[in-house]
N, C-alpha and C. Protein backbone atom coordinates (compact mmCIF):
# COMPACT_ATOMS: atom_id res chain seq x y z
N MET A 1 0.77 -0.94 0.05
CA MET A 1 -0.12 0.52 -0.05
C MET A 1 0.81 1.25 -0.23
N ASN A 2 0.38 2.14 -1.03
CA ASN A 2 1.90 3.43 -1.18
C ASN A 2 0.66 4.12 -0.26
N SER A 3 1.25 5.05 0.49
CA SER A 3 0.77 6.85 0.82
C SER A 3 0.79 7.69 0.32
N PRO A 4 0.20 8.56 0.48
CA PRO A 4 0.38 10.48 -0.95
C PRO A 4 1.74 10.26 -0.48
N ALA A 5 1.82 10.81 0.61
CA ALA A 5 3.59 11.07 1.14
C ALA A 5 4.79 10.79 0.28
N ILE A 6 4.13 9.15 0.61
CA ILE A 6 5.30 8.46 -0.21
C ILE A 6 5.50 8.73 -2.09
N GLU A 7 4.19 8.83 -2.70
CA GLU A 7 3.94 8.86 -4.02
C GLU A 7 3.95 9.75 -4.45
N HIS A 8 4.56 11.44 -3.66
CA HIS A 8 3.71 12.67 -3.57
C HIS A 8 5.46 12.93 -4.30
N SER A 9 6.47 11.85 -3.30
CA SER A 9 7.75 12.76 -2.69
C SER A 9 8.76 12.01 -4.24
N ALA A 10 8.26 11.04 -4.12
CA ALA A 10 8.71 10.42 -6.00
C ALA A 10 8.48 11.07 -6.57
N ALA A 11 7.21 11.54 -6.81
CA ALA A 11 7.24 12.76 -8.20
C ALA A 11 8.05 14.17 -8.17
N PHE A 12 7.55 14.03 -6.56
CA PHE A 12 9.05 15.96 -6.88
C PHE A 12 9.97 15.56 -6.51
N GLY A 13 10.49 14.41 -6.58
CA GLY A 13 11.48 13.87 -7.31
C GLY A 13 11.89 13.45 -8.68
N GLN A 14 10.89 12.91 -9.20
CA GLN A 14 11.26 13.23 -10.47
C GLN A 14 11.14 14.37 -11.34
N ARG A 15 10.12 15.47 -11.72
CA ARG A 15 10.85 16.78 -11.01
C ARG A 15 11.47 17.28 -11.25
N THR A 16 12.20 16.95 -10.19
CA THR A 16 13.83 18.09 -9.69
C THR A 16 14.78 17.26 -10.87
N PHE A 17 14.49 16.24 -11.10
CA PHE A 17 15.61 14.79 -10.96
C PHE A 17 16.22 15.91 -12.36
N ASN A 18 15.61 16.59 -12.87
CA ASN A 18 16.02 16.56 -14.55
C ASN A 18 16.62 18.42 -14.18
N ILE A 19 16.12 19.17 -13.18
CA ILE A 19 17.01 20.44 -12.36
C ILE A 19 18.60 20.02 -11.53
N PHE A 20 18.42 19.43 -11.41
CA PHE A 20 20.20 18.43 -10.47
C PHE A 20 20.84 18.68 -11.65
N THR A 21 20.47 17.31 -12.84
CA THR A 21 21.17 17.42 -13.47
C THR A 21 21.96 17.73 -14.53
N ALA A 22 21.38 19.16 -15.04
CA ALA A 22 21.40 20.66 -15.46
C ALA A 22 22.02 20.92 -14.37
N LEU A 23 22.50 21.79 -12.87
CA LEU A 23 23.06 21.19 -12.74
C LEU A 23 24.20 21.01 -12.40
N GLN A 24 24.95 19.97 -12.37
CA GLN A 24 25.86 18.75 -12.65
C GLN A 24 26.39 19.33 -14.03
N LEU A 25 25.64 19.32 -14.97
CA LEU A 25 25.92 19.21 -16.76
C LEU A 25 27.20 21.07 -16.49
N ASP A 26 26.04 21.65 -15.76
CA ASP A 26 26.60 23.06 -15.97
C ASP A 26 27.77 23.55 -15.14
N GLY A 27 28.08 23.19 -14.08
CA GLY A 27 29.24 22.56 -13.25
C GLY A 27 30.62 21.49 -14.26
N LEU A 28 29.75 20.12 -14.50
CA LEU A 28 31.56 20.12 -15.64
C LEU A 28 31.31 20.95 -16.63
N ALA A 29 31.05 21.37 -16.67
CA ALA A 29 30.77 22.86 -18.27
C ALA A 29 32.02 23.81 -17.64
N CYS A 30 31.60 24.42 -16.43
CA CYS A 30 33.00 24.87 -15.88
C CYS A 30 34.21 24.28 -15.75
N LEU A 31 33.87 23.61 -15.15
CA LEU A 31 34.83 22.85 -14.80
C LEU A 31 35.88 22.41 -16.29
N GLN A 32 35.67 21.83 -16.91
CA GLN A 32 36.27 21.72 -18.12
C GLN A 32 36.70 23.26 -18.62
N LYS A 33 36.21 23.42 -18.64
CA LYS A 33 36.21 25.77 -19.76
C LYS A 33 37.70 25.68 -18.58
N LEU A 34 37.77 25.34 -16.90
CA LEU A 34 39.24 25.83 -16.41
C LEU A 34 39.49 24.74 -16.44
N GLY A 35 39.66 23.71 -16.93
CA GLY A 35 40.86 23.12 -16.97
C GLY A 35 41.31 22.98 -18.60
N GLU A 36 40.91 23.91 -19.60
CA GLU A 36 40.78 23.33 -20.47
C GLU A 36 42.14 24.66 -20.53
N LEU A 37 41.21 25.74 -19.78
CA LEU A 37 42.26 27.16 -19.30
C LEU A 37 43.45 27.38 -19.25
N ASN A 38 43.48 26.14 -18.37
CA ASN A 38 44.76 26.05 -17.17
C ASN A 38 46.12 25.38 -18.82
N LEU A 39 45.21 24.30 -18.92
CA LEU A 39 46.61 23.62 -20.21
C LEU A 39 46.52 24.76 -21.55
N ALA A 40 45.86 26.04 -21.67
CA ALA A 40 46.13 26.16 -22.55
C ALA A 40 47.48 27.41 -21.91
N ALA A 41 47.17 28.06 -20.71
CA ALA A 41 47.79 29.02 -20.03
C ALA A 41 49.97 28.00 -20.26
N MET A 42 49.23 26.85 -19.49
CA MET A 42 50.51 26.19 -19.21
C MET A 42 51.19 26.16 -20.99
N LYS A 43 51.14 25.16 -21.59
CA LYS A 43 51.69 25.66 -23.16
C LYS A 43 52.32 26.97 -23.80
N ALA A 44 51.22 28.08 -23.79
CA ALA A 44 51.69 29.20 -23.82
C ALA A 44 52.67 28.86 -22.91
N THR A 45 52.79 29.25 -21.89
CA THR A 45 53.71 29.40 -21.21
C THR A 45 55.79 28.52 -21.24
N VAL A 46 54.91 27.05 -22.11
CA VAL A 46 55.90 26.61 -22.31
C VAL A 46 56.36 26.71 -23.88
N THR A 47 55.50 27.54 -24.66
CA THR A 47 56.14 27.19 -25.64
C THR A 47 57.26 28.88 -25.33
N GLU A 48 56.16 30.05 -25.17
CA GLU A 48 57.03 31.06 -25.26
C GLU A 48 58.24 31.50 -24.43
N GLY A 49 58.21 30.08 -23.24
CA GLY A 49 60.02 29.98 -23.21
C GLY A 49 60.61 29.54 -23.73
N SER A 50 60.37 28.76 -24.72
CA SER A 50 61.32 27.51 -25.07
C SER A 50 62.15 29.00 -26.90
N HIS A 51 61.05 29.73 -27.23
CA HIS A 51 61.23 30.60 -27.93
C HIS A 51 62.22 30.96 -27.89
N ALA A 52 61.83 32.19 -26.09
CA ALA A 52 62.62 32.50 -26.02
C ALA A 52 64.13 32.31 -25.75
N LEU A 53 64.15 31.36 -25.77
CA LEU A 53 66.19 30.30 -24.76
C LEU A 53 66.39 29.89 -26.42
N SER A 54 65.14 29.83 -27.69
CA SER A 54 66.12 29.04 -28.72
C SER A 54 66.61 30.30 -29.67
N ALA A 55 66.12 31.24 -29.64
CA ALA A 55 66.58 32.37 -30.23
C ALA A 55 67.21 33.77 -29.46
N GLY A 56 67.29 32.76 -28.42
CA GLY A 56 68.81 34.14 -27.53
C GLY A 56 68.11 35.21 -26.77
N GLN A 57 67.27 35.02 -26.25
CA GLN A 57 67.11 36.33 -26.85
C GLN A 57 67.52 36.64 -24.68
N PHE A 58 67.87 35.66 -23.83
CA PHE A 58 67.72 36.10 -22.32
C PHE A 58 69.29 36.23 -22.43
N ASN A 59 70.29 35.50 -23.38
CA ASN A 59 71.52 35.67 -23.84
C ASN A 59 71.98 37.45 -24.44
N ALA A 60 71.69 37.92 -24.90
CA ALA A 60 71.98 38.86 -25.73
C ALA A 60 71.88 40.53 -24.56
N ALA A 61 71.31 40.94 -24.26
CA ALA A 61 70.28 42.17 -23.58
C ALA A 61 68.91 41.20 -22.51
N PRO A 62 70.15 40.45 -20.82
CA PRO A 62 68.77 39.81 -20.29
C PRO A 62 67.98 41.07 -19.84
N LEU A 63 67.80 42.60 -19.86
CA LEU A 63 67.42 44.08 -18.82
C LEU A 63 66.71 44.08 -20.22
N ALA A 64 66.82 44.62 -21.12
CA ALA A 64 66.11 44.32 -22.55
C ALA A 64 65.10 44.14 -22.43
N GLY A 65 64.68 42.81 -22.30
CA GLY A 65 63.40 41.47 -22.51
C GLY A 65 63.67 41.49 -21.68
N ALA A 66 63.76 41.60 -20.70
CA ALA A 66 63.18 41.05 -18.83
C ALA A 66 60.98 41.82 -19.03
N SER A 67 62.19 42.72 -18.79
CA SER A 67 60.98 43.89 -18.66
C SER A 67 59.56 44.01 -20.63
N ASP A 68 59.52 43.30 -21.22
CA ASP A 68 58.27 42.85 -22.25
C ASP A 68 58.31 41.51 -21.72
N LEU A 69 59.30 40.36 -21.60
CA LEU A 69 58.21 39.52 -20.26
C LEU A 69 57.84 39.39 -19.72
N GLN A 70 57.90 40.36 -18.23
CA GLN A 70 57.03 40.89 -17.65
C GLN A 70 55.74 41.85 -18.10
N GLN A 71 56.00 42.23 -18.67
CA GLN A 71 54.64 42.50 -19.44
C GLN A 71 53.99 41.56 -20.24
N GLN A 72 54.09 40.97 -20.68
CA GLN A 72 53.26 40.28 -21.84
C GLN A 72 53.42 38.78 -20.54
N LEU A 73 53.80 38.60 -19.29
CA LEU A 73 52.94 37.96 -18.59
C LEU A 73 52.12 38.18 -17.65
N VAL A 74 51.96 39.99 -17.38
CA VAL A 74 50.86 40.64 -16.45
C VAL A 74 49.93 40.45 -17.60
N GLN A 75 50.37 40.20 -18.55
CA GLN A 75 49.06 40.39 -19.19
C GLN A 75 48.28 39.56 -20.08
N ARG A 76 48.91 38.56 -19.91
CA ARG A 76 48.59 37.07 -20.05
C ARG A 76 47.89 36.85 -19.11
N THR A 77 49.33 37.27 -17.48
CA THR A 77 47.02 36.97 -16.53
C THR A 77 46.10 37.82 -16.38
N LEU A 78 46.07 38.65 -16.56
CA LEU A 78 45.04 39.25 -16.00
C LEU A 78 43.91 38.73 -16.72
N SER A 79 44.34 38.37 -18.61
CA SER A 79 43.71 37.92 -19.52
C SER A 79 42.64 37.00 -18.57
N TYR A 80 43.70 35.68 -18.18
CA TYR A 80 43.03 34.91 -17.40
C TYR A 80 42.21 34.80 -16.55
N ALA A 81 42.54 35.88 -15.83
CA ALA A 81 41.68 36.13 -14.61
C ALA A 81 40.51 36.38 -15.05
N GLN A 82 40.48 37.49 -16.16
CA GLN A 82 38.96 37.58 -16.55
C GLN A 82 38.11 36.05 -16.97
N HIS A 83 39.00 35.79 -17.59
CA HIS A 83 38.52 33.97 -18.53
C HIS A 83 37.25 33.13 -16.05
N VAL A 84 38.33 33.20 -15.77
CA VAL A 84 38.45 32.31 -14.80
C VAL A 84 36.82 33.15 -14.08
N LYS A 85 37.20 34.75 -13.99
CA LYS A 85 36.30 35.11 -13.68
C LYS A 85 34.27 35.05 -14.55
N GLU A 86 34.52 34.97 -15.83
CA GLU A 86 33.42 34.57 -16.51
C GLU A 86 32.99 33.51 -16.40
N ILE A 87 33.81 32.44 -16.78
CA ILE A 87 33.43 31.06 -15.90
C ILE A 87 32.84 30.57 -14.75
N ASP A 88 32.86 31.16 -13.07
CA ASP A 88 32.48 31.80 -12.38
C ASP A 88 31.18 32.30 -12.58
N ALA A 89 30.71 33.32 -13.43
CA ALA A 89 29.14 34.08 -13.24
C ALA A 89 29.22 32.81 -14.33
N GLN A 90 29.28 32.45 -15.42
CA GLN A 90 28.61 31.34 -15.68
C GLN A 90 27.72 30.58 -14.74
N PHE A 91 28.97 29.13 -13.52
CA PHE A 91 28.26 28.52 -12.97
C PHE A 91 27.11 29.48 -11.40
N THR A 92 27.87 30.26 -11.65
CA THR A 92 27.10 31.39 -10.01
C THR A 92 25.27 31.15 -10.92
N ALA A 93 25.53 31.90 -12.01
CA ALA A 93 23.68 31.67 -12.71
C ALA A 93 22.92 31.10 -12.80
N ALA A 94 24.24 29.90 -13.27
CA ALA A 94 22.90 28.56 -13.40
C ALA A 94 23.39 27.65 -11.80
N LEU A 95 23.67 28.56 -11.24
CA LEU A 95 22.63 27.96 -9.81
C LEU A 95 21.61 28.99 -9.23
N THR A 96 22.12 29.82 -9.33
CA THR A 96 21.12 30.87 -8.85
C THR A 96 19.71 29.86 -9.61
N LYS A 97 19.68 29.68 -11.25
CA LYS A 97 18.77 29.19 -11.94
C LYS A 97 17.96 28.02 -11.18
N ALA A 98 18.72 27.50 -11.03
CA ALA A 98 18.21 26.07 -10.51
C ALA A 98 17.76 26.27 -9.42
N GLY A 99 18.41 27.26 -8.60
CA GLY A 99 17.19 27.62 -6.98
C GLY A 99 16.18 27.79 -7.05
N GLU A 100 16.28 29.19 -7.94
CA GLU A 100 15.05 29.93 -8.67
C GLU A 100 13.60 27.98 -9.30
N ALA A 101 14.37 27.00 -9.57
CA ALA A 101 13.40 26.37 -9.72
C ALA A 101 13.39 25.45 -9.45
N LEU A 102 14.00 24.85 -7.78
CA LEU A 102 13.58 24.06 -6.81
C LEU A 102 12.69 24.42 -5.90
N ARG A 103 13.29 26.44 -6.39
CA ARG A 103 12.39 26.93 -4.92
C ARG A 103 10.09 26.70 -5.48
N GLU A 104 10.89 26.79 -6.61
CA GLU A 104 8.94 26.84 -7.32
C GLU A 104 8.60 25.71 -7.60
N GLU A 105 9.36 24.63 -7.95
CA GLU A 105 8.55 23.61 -7.65
C GLU A 105 8.72 23.60 -6.47
N PHE A 106 9.06 23.67 -4.84
CA PHE A 106 9.05 23.49 -4.07
C PHE A 106 7.10 23.33 -3.23
N GLY A 107 6.98 25.22 -4.04
CA GLY A 107 6.34 25.75 -3.69
C GLY A 107 5.34 24.90 -4.63
N ALA A 108 5.13 24.56 -5.66
CA ALA A 108 3.42 23.92 -6.48
C ALA A 108 3.51 22.50 -5.22
N SER A 109 4.86 21.53 -5.38
CA SER A 109 4.57 20.74 -4.57
C SER A 109 3.85 20.46 -3.45
N VAL A 110 4.34 21.94 -2.69
CA VAL A 110 3.70 21.61 -1.09
C VAL A 110 2.66 22.10 -1.33
N ALA A 111 1.68 22.82 -1.79
CA ALA A 111 0.61 23.51 -2.49
C ALA A 111 0.12 22.22 -2.50
N GLN A 112 0.17 21.18 -3.92
CA GLN A 112 -0.56 20.31 -3.89
C GLN A 112 -0.59 18.54 -3.46
N PHE A 113 0.38 18.97 -2.29
CA PHE A 113 0.70 18.17 -1.98
C PHE A 113 -0.41 18.77 -0.52
N GLY A 114 -0.42 19.30 0.56
CA GLY A 114 -1.12 20.08 1.28
C GLY A 114 -3.33 20.25 1.06
N SER A 115 -3.03 20.13 -0.58
CA SER A 115 -4.77 20.30 -0.91
C SER A 115 -4.99 18.83 -1.09
N GLY A 116 -4.40 17.84 -1.33
CA GLY A 116 -4.83 16.46 -1.36
C GLY A 116 -5.06 15.32 0.09
N PHE A 117 -4.54 16.37 1.35
CA PHE A 117 -4.86 15.74 2.62
C PHE A 117 -5.29 16.10 3.86
N GLY A 118 -5.81 17.36 2.49
CA GLY A 118 -6.21 18.75 3.04
C GLY A 118 -7.59 17.40 4.10
N GLN A 119 -8.01 16.63 4.03
CA GLN A 119 -9.60 15.93 4.39
C GLN A 119 -9.22 15.27 5.47
N THR A 120 -7.87 14.15 5.23
CA THR A 120 -7.59 13.12 5.58
C THR A 120 -6.74 13.52 6.94
N THR A 121 -5.06 14.22 6.24
CA THR A 121 -4.38 13.95 6.92
C THR A 121 -3.85 15.66 7.37
N SER A 122 -2.69 15.66 8.19
CA SER A 122 -2.13 17.60 8.48
C SER A 122 -1.17 17.06 7.22
N LEU A 123 -0.31 17.71 7.04
CA LEU A 123 0.09 18.26 6.09
C LEU A 123 1.27 18.91 7.27
N SER A 124 2.68 18.42 7.20
CA SER A 124 3.20 19.06 8.58
C SER A 124 4.37 20.05 8.00
N PRO A 125 4.29 20.90 7.63
CA PRO A 125 5.18 21.38 7.01
C PRO A 125 6.62 22.06 7.39
N ASP A 126 6.66 21.87 9.05
CA ASP A 126 8.12 21.66 8.83
C ASP A 126 8.50 20.31 8.82
N SER A 127 7.96 18.95 7.51
CA SER A 127 9.17 18.41 8.08
C SER A 127 9.38 19.04 6.31
N ALA A 128 8.42 19.01 5.20
CA ALA A 128 8.29 19.44 4.05
C ALA A 128 9.98 20.03 4.20
N PHE A 129 9.75 21.50 4.75
CA PHE A 129 10.85 22.13 4.56
C PHE A 129 11.92 21.93 5.46
N SER A 130 11.66 20.91 6.32
CA SER A 130 13.48 20.26 6.56
C SER A 130 13.87 19.35 5.20
N ALA A 131 13.38 18.60 4.40
CA ALA A 131 13.45 17.97 3.30
C ALA A 131 14.45 19.03 2.26
N MET A 132 12.97 20.35 2.24
CA MET A 132 14.18 21.69 0.78
C MET A 132 15.15 22.18 1.76
N GLN A 133 15.07 22.16 2.73
CA GLN A 133 16.84 22.53 3.37
C GLN A 133 17.79 22.02 3.76
N SER A 134 17.35 20.20 3.51
CA SER A 134 18.24 19.68 3.02
C SER A 134 18.59 20.05 1.34
N VAL A 135 17.66 19.61 0.82
CA VAL A 135 17.96 19.58 -0.32
C VAL A 135 18.95 20.85 -1.05
N MET A 136 18.69 22.28 -0.56
CA MET A 136 19.00 22.67 -1.06
C MET A 136 20.40 23.36 0.11
N ALA A 137 20.42 22.80 0.67
CA ALA A 137 21.98 22.13 1.49
C ALA A 137 23.56 21.47 0.78
N SER A 138 22.75 20.21 -0.05
CA SER A 138 23.50 20.37 -0.90
C SER A 138 23.41 20.48 -2.11
N MET A 139 22.97 20.99 -2.46
CA MET A 139 23.19 21.88 -3.18
C MET A 139 23.65 23.27 -3.40
N ILE A 140 24.09 23.93 -2.58
CA ILE A 140 24.36 25.23 -2.31
C ILE A 140 26.31 24.49 -2.24
N HIS A 141 26.19 23.96 -1.56
CA HIS A 141 27.77 22.55 -1.12
C HIS A 141 28.17 22.19 -2.13
N SER A 142 27.17 22.00 -2.80
CA SER A 142 28.50 21.90 -4.21
C SER A 142 28.56 23.29 -5.33
N GLY A 143 27.87 24.15 -5.07
CA GLY A 143 28.18 25.24 -5.95
C GLY A 143 29.65 25.70 -5.37
N ASN A 144 29.56 25.80 -4.11
CA ASN A 144 30.34 26.15 -3.30
C ASN A 144 32.01 25.60 -3.49
N VAL A 145 31.39 24.50 -3.19
CA VAL A 145 32.98 23.34 -3.23
C VAL A 145 33.58 23.63 -5.64
N ILE A 146 33.05 24.37 -6.55
CA ILE A 146 32.51 25.01 -7.36
C ILE A 146 33.55 25.82 -7.36
N GLN A 147 32.57 26.46 -6.82
CA GLN A 147 33.37 27.76 -7.22
C GLN A 147 34.61 28.44 -6.25
N ASP A 148 35.24 27.49 -5.49
CA ASP A 148 36.22 27.71 -4.81
C ASP A 148 37.41 26.77 -5.38
N SER A 149 36.74 26.09 -5.85
CA SER A 149 37.79 25.01 -7.42
C SER A 149 38.93 26.32 -7.83
N ILE A 150 37.36 27.27 -8.66
CA ILE A 150 37.66 28.24 -9.75
C ILE A 150 38.07 29.85 -8.94
N LYS A 151 37.69 29.79 -7.55
CA LYS A 151 38.98 30.85 -7.01
C LYS A 151 39.67 30.82 -7.21
N ARG A 152 40.56 28.92 -6.59
CA ARG A 152 41.88 29.70 -5.78
C ARG A 152 42.65 29.41 -7.24
N ALA A 153 42.10 29.18 -8.65
CA ALA A 153 42.41 29.28 -9.13
C ALA A 153 43.03 30.35 -9.96
N SER A 154 42.24 30.96 -10.15
CA SER A 154 42.31 32.84 -9.44
C SER A 154 43.50 33.11 -9.04
N SER A 155 43.31 33.08 -7.89
CA SER A 155 43.86 33.07 -6.94
C SER A 155 45.44 32.75 -7.37
N THR A 156 45.64 31.84 -7.59
CA THR A 156 46.88 31.01 -8.44
C THR A 156 47.46 32.53 -9.49
N ALA A 157 46.39 32.72 -10.05
CA ALA A 157 47.20 33.11 -11.68
C ALA A 157 47.50 34.39 -10.91
N VAL A 158 46.79 35.69 -10.01
CA VAL A 158 46.92 36.66 -9.53
C VAL A 158 48.41 36.89 -9.21
N THR A 159 48.99 35.54 -8.50
CA THR A 159 49.96 34.94 -7.40
C THR A 159 51.26 35.23 -8.30
N VAL A 160 51.07 34.55 -10.00
CA VAL A 160 52.42 34.17 -10.45
C VAL A 160 51.87 35.68 -11.31
N ALA A 161 50.85 36.06 -11.66
CA ALA A 161 51.32 37.85 -11.76
C ALA A 161 52.54 39.00 -10.64
N GLY A 162 51.52 38.64 -9.55
CA GLY A 162 52.37 39.58 -8.24
C GLY A 162 53.67 38.99 -8.62
N ASP A 163 53.83 37.85 -8.94
CA ASP A 163 54.97 37.56 -8.51
C ASP A 163 56.32 37.80 -9.72
N ALA A 164 55.54 37.75 -10.91
CA ALA A 164 56.64 38.02 -11.95
C ALA A 164 56.33 39.88 -11.84
N ALA A 165 56.13 40.31 -11.38
CA ALA A 165 56.04 41.94 -11.49
C ALA A 165 57.32 41.87 -10.73
N HIS A 166 58.02 41.38 -9.63
CA HIS A 166 58.75 41.53 -8.75
C HIS A 166 60.00 41.48 -9.32
């Protein structure tokens, strides 16, 4: 015998599954972009260093070329930081969109669930609210983990730029 609460919970899970899946896919896409950005930055650094060594830039006039190299490094780092900021904004927008969709779905679900139990069983708003809090806490935690990864990559780039300028 199925209870209406169990059936309603299962239906809510089915309706919100796509929201969570889309958020996970957006998060993974952001992490992929960040990984590709990091690989491109490392490749450019190695390639430019190799070209500088093979062209003898460090042997002829070390002080003359050092200023240009530092300026290029600072520009590249600023560009990198801007890309990281864009990736972070993209994930924040996806997180906000998912949160709004979940709030809307939860509101509609509580209203539907409550109307079905009006005559026979009282709806416990505390248990429904606790369930939603748990879902939202998990979603926020996942979002924070991804944002922390992006911020660490950004701060590393700023530190590298600062070290290069000195």
